[in-house]
Amino acid sequence: MNTKTLISGLLGGVCYFLLGWLIYGILLKDAMDSSMGTATGVMRSETDMLLWAIALGNIATGLGMAYILGNWAGVTSWMGGAKAAATVGALFSIGYDLIMYATSNMMELNGIFMDIPISIFMSASAGAVIGWWLGRS
């Protein structure tokens, strides 16, 4: 992974982290909480969440997206990054959410219908940042 991809991935990871905190942690917290399935004891309380693990997970996601956009898709603009990342984010989110819905009681169907567009928006935003950085000369 070259330096440009690495930096764009870190920036994308920060974007994922901040948007996740804003959307899931603040704006739609109650809505997402109300769409939890019948599984109990699954979610950690706010005070027990492991921010270091959330941060590393978001950075890994940003690096993965930067690798896809930079090395496979050849993205060099913020708009190209937004479009490509929205597509990748949609496919991964739909796949993950439907498999989790089919195999667990962690989320109700209405939660999936909220999570997929949120994931697409977050991926498009991170992809725009990644594409912008990759397009810098």
N, C-alpha and C. Protein backbone atom coordinates (compact mmCIF):
# COMPACT_ATOMS: atom_id res chain seq x y z
N MET A 1 0.86 -1.17 0.00
CA MET A 1 0.00 0.00 0.00
C MET A 1 0.90 1.23 0.00
N ASN A 2 0.71 2.10 -0.99
CA ASN A 2 1.56 3.30 -1.07
C ASN A 2 1.08 4.37 -0.09
N THR A 3 1.89 5.40 0.06
CA THR A 3 1.62 6.44 1.05
C THR A 3 0.30 7.16 0.76
N LYS A 4 0.02 7.43 -0.50
CA LYS A 4 -1.21 8.14 -0.86
C LYS A 4 -2.43 7.32 -0.47
N THR A 5 -2.40 6.03 -0.73
CA THR A 5 -3.51 5.15 -0.35
C THR A 5 -3.63 5.06 1.16
N LEU A 6 -2.50 4.97 1.84
CA LEU A 6 -2.51 4.88 3.31
C LEU A 6 -3.11 6.13 3.94
N ILE A 7 -2.69 7.30 3.49
CA ILE A 7 -3.23 8.54 4.06
C ILE A 7 -4.71 8.69 3.73
N SER A 8 -5.09 8.38 2.48
CA SER A 8 -6.50 8.50 2.12
C SER A 8 -7.35 7.53 2.93
N GLY A 9 -6.81 6.34 3.20
CA GLY A 9 -7.53 5.37 4.03
C GLY A 9 -7.70 5.84 5.46
N LEU A 10 -6.67 6.46 6.01
CA LEU A 10 -6.77 7.00 7.36
C LEU A 10 -7.80 8.13 7.41
N LEU A 11 -7.79 9.00 6.41
CA LEU A 11 -8.78 10.07 6.35
C LEU A 11 -10.20 9.50 6.20
N GLY A 12 -10.34 8.50 5.36
CA GLY A 12 -11.63 7.84 5.21
C GLY A 12 -12.09 7.19 6.51
N GLY A 13 -11.15 6.58 7.25
CA GLY A 13 -11.48 5.96 8.53
C GLY A 13 -11.95 6.99 9.55
N VAL A 14 -11.31 8.14 9.57
CA VAL A 14 -11.73 9.22 10.47
C VAL A 14 -13.14 9.69 10.08
N CYS A 15 -13.40 9.78 8.79
CA CYS A 15 -14.73 10.16 8.32
C CYS A 15 -15.78 9.14 8.77
N TYR A 16 -15.49 7.85 8.58
CA TYR A 16 -16.42 6.81 9.05
C TYR A 16 -16.66 6.94 10.55
N PHE A 17 -15.60 7.13 11.32
CA PHE A 17 -15.71 7.22 12.78
C PHE A 17 -16.60 8.39 13.19
N LEU A 18 -16.31 9.57 12.65
CA LEU A 18 -17.06 10.77 13.04
C LEU A 18 -18.53 10.69 12.61
N LEU A 19 -18.77 10.21 11.39
CA LEU A 19 -20.16 10.08 10.95
C LEU A 19 -20.91 9.01 11.75
N GLY A 20 -20.24 7.92 12.07
CA GLY A 20 -20.87 6.89 12.89
C GLY A 20 -21.25 7.42 14.26
N TRP A 21 -20.34 8.17 14.86
CA TRP A 21 -20.62 8.78 16.16
C TRP A 21 -21.80 9.74 16.06
N LEU A 22 -21.80 10.59 15.01
CA LEU A 22 -22.87 11.56 14.85
C LEU A 22 -24.21 10.89 14.55
N ILE A 23 -24.22 9.98 13.59
CA ILE A 23 -25.49 9.39 13.14
C ILE A 23 -26.01 8.33 14.11
N TYR A 24 -25.18 7.32 14.39
CA TYR A 24 -25.63 6.22 15.25
C TYR A 24 -25.62 6.61 16.72
N GLY A 25 -24.64 7.42 17.12
CA GLY A 25 -24.49 7.75 18.54
C GLY A 25 -25.34 8.90 19.02
N ILE A 26 -25.71 9.80 18.11
CA ILE A 26 -26.46 10.98 18.54
C ILE A 26 -27.80 11.11 17.81
N LEU A 27 -27.76 11.33 16.50
CA LEU A 27 -28.98 11.67 15.75
C LEU A 27 -30.03 10.56 15.74
N LEU A 28 -29.61 9.32 15.47
CA LEU A 28 -30.57 8.22 15.34
C LEU A 28 -30.43 7.17 16.44
N LYS A 29 -29.83 7.56 17.55
CA LYS A 29 -29.60 6.60 18.63
C LYS A 29 -30.90 5.96 19.09
N ASP A 30 -31.92 6.76 19.38
CA ASP A 30 -33.19 6.20 19.87
C ASP A 30 -33.87 5.34 18.82
N ALA A 31 -33.83 5.78 17.58
CA ALA A 31 -34.45 5.00 16.50
C ALA A 31 -33.75 3.65 16.33
N MET A 32 -32.44 3.66 16.37
CA MET A 32 -31.70 2.40 16.22
C MET A 32 -31.91 1.51 17.45
N ASP A 33 -31.95 2.11 18.63
CA ASP A 33 -32.20 1.33 19.84
C ASP A 33 -33.57 0.65 19.78
N SER A 34 -34.56 1.34 19.23
CA SER A 34 -35.91 0.78 19.17
C SER A 34 -36.03 -0.32 18.11
N SER A 35 -35.07 -0.42 17.22
CA SER A 35 -35.14 -1.45 16.18
C SER A 35 -34.31 -2.68 16.52
N MET A 36 -33.82 -2.75 17.74
CA MET A 36 -33.06 -3.93 18.16
C MET A 36 -34.01 -5.12 18.25
N GLY A 37 -33.49 -6.27 17.94
CA GLY A 37 -34.29 -7.49 17.98
C GLY A 37 -34.48 -8.00 19.39
N THR A 38 -34.84 -9.26 19.49
CA THR A 38 -35.15 -9.85 20.79
C THR A 38 -33.92 -10.35 21.55
N ALA A 39 -32.76 -10.34 20.92
CA ALA A 39 -31.53 -10.75 21.62
C ALA A 39 -31.26 -9.77 22.76
N THR A 40 -30.88 -10.29 23.92
CA THR A 40 -30.61 -9.44 25.07
C THR A 40 -29.14 -9.54 25.45
N GLY A 41 -28.64 -8.48 26.05
CA GLY A 41 -27.26 -8.47 26.52
C GLY A 41 -26.24 -8.40 25.41
N VAL A 42 -26.67 -7.99 24.22
CA VAL A 42 -25.76 -7.98 23.07
C VAL A 42 -24.98 -6.67 23.01
N MET A 43 -25.67 -5.57 23.16
CA MET A 43 -25.03 -4.26 23.04
C MET A 43 -24.37 -3.85 24.35
N ARG A 44 -23.20 -3.26 24.24
CA ARG A 44 -22.54 -2.69 25.40
C ARG A 44 -23.20 -1.35 25.73
N SER A 45 -23.16 -0.98 27.00
CA SER A 45 -23.65 0.34 27.38
C SER A 45 -22.66 1.38 26.84
N GLU A 46 -23.10 2.62 26.79
CA GLU A 46 -22.21 3.68 26.28
C GLU A 46 -20.91 3.74 27.06
N THR A 47 -20.98 3.55 28.35
CA THR A 47 -19.77 3.65 29.17
C THR A 47 -18.85 2.44 29.01
N ASP A 48 -19.38 1.34 28.50
CA ASP A 48 -18.57 0.13 28.33
C ASP A 48 -18.06 -0.07 26.90
N MET A 49 -18.43 0.84 25.99
CA MET A 49 -17.98 0.69 24.61
C MET A 49 -16.47 0.88 24.53
N LEU A 50 -15.86 0.16 23.64
CA LEU A 50 -14.40 0.20 23.47
C LEU A 50 -14.08 1.11 22.29
N LEU A 51 -13.84 2.39 22.58
CA LEU A 51 -13.61 3.36 21.52
C LEU A 51 -12.37 3.02 20.69
N TRP A 52 -11.36 2.43 21.30
CA TRP A 52 -10.16 2.08 20.54
C TRP A 52 -10.50 1.04 19.48
N ALA A 53 -11.38 0.10 19.80
CA ALA A 53 -11.77 -0.93 18.84
C ALA A 53 -12.66 -0.35 17.75
N ILE A 54 -13.54 0.57 18.12
CA ILE A 54 -14.37 1.23 17.12
C ILE A 54 -13.48 2.02 16.17
N ALA A 55 -12.52 2.76 16.72
CA ALA A 55 -11.61 3.56 15.90
C ALA A 55 -10.80 2.68 14.96
N LEU A 56 -10.24 1.60 15.47
CA LEU A 56 -9.45 0.70 14.62
C LEU A 56 -10.32 0.04 13.55
N GLY A 57 -11.54 -0.32 13.90
CA GLY A 57 -12.46 -0.89 12.92
C GLY A 57 -12.79 0.09 11.81
N ASN A 58 -13.00 1.35 12.17
CA ASN A 58 -13.28 2.37 11.16
C ASN A 58 -12.05 2.66 10.30
N ILE A 59 -10.88 2.66 10.90
CA ILE A 59 -9.66 2.86 10.12
C ILE A 59 -9.45 1.71 9.15
N ALA A 60 -9.70 0.48 9.61
CA ALA A 60 -9.57 -0.67 8.71
C ALA A 60 -10.56 -0.57 7.56
N THR A 61 -11.79 -0.11 7.84
CA THR A 61 -12.78 0.08 6.80
C THR A 61 -12.33 1.15 5.81
N GLY A 62 -11.80 2.26 6.33
CA GLY A 62 -11.28 3.32 5.46
C GLY A 62 -10.13 2.85 4.61
N LEU A 63 -9.23 2.07 5.20
CA LEU A 63 -8.10 1.54 4.43
C LEU A 63 -8.57 0.57 3.35
N GLY A 64 -9.54 -0.26 3.69
CA GLY A 64 -10.08 -1.18 2.70
C GLY A 64 -10.74 -0.45 1.54
N MET A 65 -11.51 0.58 1.87
CA MET A 65 -12.16 1.36 0.83
C MET A 65 -11.13 2.09 -0.02
N ALA A 66 -10.11 2.65 0.62
CA ALA A 66 -9.06 3.36 -0.13
C ALA A 66 -8.31 2.39 -1.06
N TYR A 67 -8.08 1.19 -0.60
CA TYR A 67 -7.41 0.20 -1.44
C TYR A 67 -8.25 -0.13 -2.66
N ILE A 68 -9.54 -0.34 -2.45
CA ILE A 68 -10.45 -0.65 -3.56
C ILE A 68 -10.52 0.53 -4.54
N LEU A 69 -10.72 1.73 -4.00
CA LEU A 69 -10.89 2.89 -4.87
C LEU A 69 -9.60 3.27 -5.58
N GLY A 70 -8.49 3.20 -4.86
CA GLY A 70 -7.23 3.63 -5.46
C GLY A 70 -6.58 2.60 -6.35
N ASN A 71 -6.60 1.35 -5.95
CA ASN A 71 -5.86 0.32 -6.69
C ASN A 71 -6.70 -0.43 -7.71
N TRP A 72 -7.97 -0.56 -7.48
CA TRP A 72 -8.81 -1.34 -8.40
C TRP A 72 -9.71 -0.45 -9.24
N ALA A 73 -10.25 0.60 -8.66
CA ALA A 73 -11.19 1.44 -9.40
C ALA A 73 -10.52 2.64 -10.06
N GLY A 74 -9.30 2.96 -9.65
CA GLY A 74 -8.58 4.09 -10.24
C GLY A 74 -9.24 5.43 -10.00
N VAL A 75 -9.87 5.61 -8.86
CA VAL A 75 -10.58 6.85 -8.52
C VAL A 75 -9.57 7.97 -8.27
N THR A 76 -9.85 9.15 -8.84
CA THR A 76 -8.98 10.31 -8.64
C THR A 76 -9.76 11.60 -8.40
N SER A 77 -11.03 11.49 -8.01
CA SER A 77 -11.82 12.69 -7.72
C SER A 77 -12.78 12.39 -6.58
N TRP A 78 -13.24 13.46 -5.95
CA TRP A 78 -14.16 13.26 -4.84
C TRP A 78 -15.48 12.66 -5.32
N MET A 79 -15.95 13.07 -6.50
CA MET A 79 -17.21 12.55 -7.01
C MET A 79 -17.06 11.07 -7.40
N GLY A 80 -15.97 10.74 -8.05
CA GLY A 80 -15.72 9.34 -8.39
C GLY A 80 -15.63 8.48 -7.14
N GLY A 81 -14.98 9.01 -6.10
CA GLY A 81 -14.87 8.29 -4.83
C GLY A 81 -16.22 8.10 -4.17
N ALA A 82 -17.04 9.15 -4.19
CA ALA A 82 -18.37 9.06 -3.58
C ALA A 82 -19.23 8.01 -4.28
N LYS A 83 -19.22 8.03 -5.61
CA LYS A 83 -20.05 7.08 -6.36
C LYS A 83 -19.58 5.64 -6.17
N ALA A 84 -18.28 5.43 -6.31
CA ALA A 84 -17.76 4.06 -6.19
C ALA A 84 -17.94 3.53 -4.77
N ALA A 85 -17.66 4.37 -3.77
CA ALA A 85 -17.78 3.93 -2.38
C ALA A 85 -19.23 3.70 -1.99
N ALA A 86 -20.15 4.51 -2.54
CA ALA A 86 -21.57 4.28 -2.27
C ALA A 86 -22.00 2.91 -2.78
N THR A 87 -21.51 2.54 -3.95
CA THR A 87 -21.84 1.24 -4.52
C THR A 87 -21.26 0.11 -3.68
N VAL A 88 -19.99 0.22 -3.35
CA VAL A 88 -19.33 -0.81 -2.52
C VAL A 88 -20.01 -0.87 -1.16
N GLY A 89 -20.25 0.29 -0.55
CA GLY A 89 -20.91 0.34 0.76
C GLY A 89 -22.30 -0.26 0.74
N ALA A 90 -23.04 0.00 -0.33
CA ALA A 90 -24.40 -0.56 -0.45
C ALA A 90 -24.35 -2.07 -0.50
N LEU A 91 -23.48 -2.59 -1.34
CA LEU A 91 -23.41 -4.05 -1.50
C LEU A 91 -22.99 -4.74 -0.20
N PHE A 92 -21.96 -4.21 0.46
CA PHE A 92 -21.52 -4.81 1.71
C PHE A 92 -22.57 -4.67 2.81
N SER A 93 -23.22 -3.51 2.88
CA SER A 93 -24.23 -3.29 3.92
C SER A 93 -25.44 -4.19 3.71
N ILE A 94 -25.92 -4.26 2.49
CA ILE A 94 -27.06 -5.13 2.19
C ILE A 94 -26.72 -6.58 2.53
N GLY A 95 -25.54 -7.01 2.10
CA GLY A 95 -25.13 -8.38 2.38
C GLY A 95 -25.01 -8.66 3.86
N TYR A 96 -24.31 -7.80 4.58
CA TYR A 96 -24.10 -8.01 6.01
C TYR A 96 -25.41 -7.94 6.78
N ASP A 97 -26.20 -6.90 6.53
CA ASP A 97 -27.45 -6.72 7.27
C ASP A 97 -28.42 -7.87 7.05
N LEU A 98 -28.56 -8.30 5.80
CA LEU A 98 -29.51 -9.39 5.53
C LEU A 98 -29.04 -10.72 6.14
N ILE A 99 -27.74 -10.98 6.10
CA ILE A 99 -27.23 -12.20 6.73
C ILE A 99 -27.44 -12.15 8.24
N MET A 100 -27.16 -11.00 8.87
CA MET A 100 -27.38 -10.87 10.31
C MET A 100 -28.87 -10.99 10.64
N TYR A 101 -29.73 -10.44 9.81
CA TYR A 101 -31.18 -10.55 10.04
C TYR A 101 -31.64 -12.00 9.92
N ALA A 102 -31.09 -12.70 8.94
CA ALA A 102 -31.50 -14.08 8.71
C ALA A 102 -30.98 -15.04 9.76
N THR A 103 -29.87 -14.70 10.40
CA THR A 103 -29.21 -15.66 11.30
C THR A 103 -29.22 -15.27 12.77
N SER A 104 -29.76 -14.09 13.10
CA SER A 104 -29.73 -13.67 14.51
C SER A 104 -30.99 -12.88 14.85
N ASN A 105 -31.11 -12.58 16.12
CA ASN A 105 -32.22 -11.74 16.61
C ASN A 105 -31.70 -10.38 17.08
N MET A 106 -30.65 -9.91 16.41
CA MET A 106 -30.03 -8.66 16.86
C MET A 106 -30.72 -7.40 16.35
N MET A 107 -31.40 -7.48 15.21
CA MET A 107 -32.05 -6.29 14.66
C MET A 107 -33.32 -6.69 13.93
N GLU A 108 -34.31 -5.83 14.04
CA GLU A 108 -35.56 -6.03 13.32
C GLU A 108 -35.42 -5.50 11.89
N LEU A 109 -36.34 -5.86 11.04
CA LEU A 109 -36.29 -5.48 9.63
C LEU A 109 -36.27 -3.96 9.44
N ASN A 110 -37.01 -3.23 10.27
CA ASN A 110 -37.01 -1.77 10.13
C ASN A 110 -35.63 -1.19 10.42
N GLY A 111 -34.86 -1.83 11.27
CA GLY A 111 -33.49 -1.38 11.54
C GLY A 111 -32.60 -1.54 10.33
N ILE A 112 -32.83 -2.62 9.58
CA ILE A 112 -32.06 -2.83 8.36
C ILE A 112 -32.39 -1.75 7.34
N PHE A 113 -33.67 -1.40 7.24
CA PHE A 113 -34.07 -0.35 6.30
C PHE A 113 -33.53 1.02 6.70
N MET A 114 -33.16 1.20 7.96
CA MET A 114 -32.48 2.43 8.38
C MET A 114 -30.98 2.31 8.15
N ASP A 115 -30.43 1.14 8.47
CA ASP A 115 -28.98 0.97 8.43
C ASP A 115 -28.40 1.03 7.02
N ILE A 116 -29.07 0.47 6.05
CA ILE A 116 -28.52 0.42 4.69
C ILE A 116 -28.32 1.83 4.12
N PRO A 117 -29.33 2.72 4.14
CA PRO A 117 -29.06 4.07 3.61
C PRO A 117 -28.01 4.84 4.41
N ILE A 118 -27.97 4.60 5.72
CA ILE A 118 -26.95 5.25 6.54
C ILE A 118 -25.57 4.77 6.10
N SER A 119 -25.42 3.48 5.91
CA SER A 119 -24.13 2.93 5.47
C SER A 119 -23.74 3.45 4.10
N ILE A 120 -24.71 3.58 3.21
CA ILE A 120 -24.42 4.13 1.88
C ILE A 120 -23.95 5.57 2.00
N PHE A 121 -24.64 6.36 2.81
CA PHE A 121 -24.24 7.76 3.00
C PHE A 121 -22.85 7.86 3.61
N MET A 122 -22.58 7.06 4.64
CA MET A 122 -21.27 7.10 5.27
C MET A 122 -20.18 6.67 4.30
N SER A 123 -20.43 5.63 3.53
CA SER A 123 -19.45 5.17 2.56
C SER A 123 -19.22 6.20 1.46
N ALA A 124 -20.29 6.81 0.98
CA ALA A 124 -20.15 7.85 -0.05
C ALA A 124 -19.34 9.03 0.48
N SER A 125 -19.58 9.41 1.73
CA SER A 125 -18.85 10.52 2.32
C SER A 125 -17.37 10.18 2.49
N ALA A 126 -17.10 9.00 3.04
CA ALA A 126 -15.70 8.58 3.19
C ALA A 126 -15.05 8.42 1.82
N GLY A 127 -15.79 7.90 0.86
CA GLY A 127 -15.26 7.75 -0.50
C GLY A 127 -14.94 9.08 -1.14
N ALA A 128 -15.75 10.10 -0.86
CA ALA A 128 -15.46 11.44 -1.39
C ALA A 128 -14.14 11.97 -0.83
N VAL A 129 -13.93 11.76 0.47
CA VAL A 129 -12.68 12.20 1.10
C VAL A 129 -11.50 11.41 0.51
N ILE A 130 -11.68 10.11 0.38
CA ILE A 130 -10.63 9.26 -0.17
C ILE A 130 -10.31 9.66 -1.62
N GLY A 131 -11.37 9.82 -2.43
CA GLY A 131 -11.16 10.21 -3.82
C GLY A 131 -10.50 11.56 -3.95
N TRP A 132 -10.89 12.50 -3.10
CA TRP A 132 -10.27 13.83 -3.10
C TRP A 132 -8.78 13.71 -2.83
N TRP A 133 -8.42 12.93 -1.82
CA TRP A 133 -7.00 12.79 -1.48
C TRP A 133 -6.24 12.07 -2.60
N LEU A 134 -6.83 11.04 -3.15
CA LEU A 134 -6.17 10.29 -4.22
C LEU A 134 -5.97 11.15 -5.47
N GLY A 135 -6.84 12.13 -5.69
CA GLY A 135 -6.74 12.98 -6.87
C GLY A 135 -5.79 14.15 -6.71
N ARG A 136 -5.27 14.35 -5.52
CA ARG A 136 -4.31 15.45 -5.30
C ARG A 136 -3.04 15.16 -6.06
N SER A 137 -2.44 16.19 -6.62
CA SER A 137 -1.19 15.96 -7.36
C SER A 137 0.03 16.29 -6.52
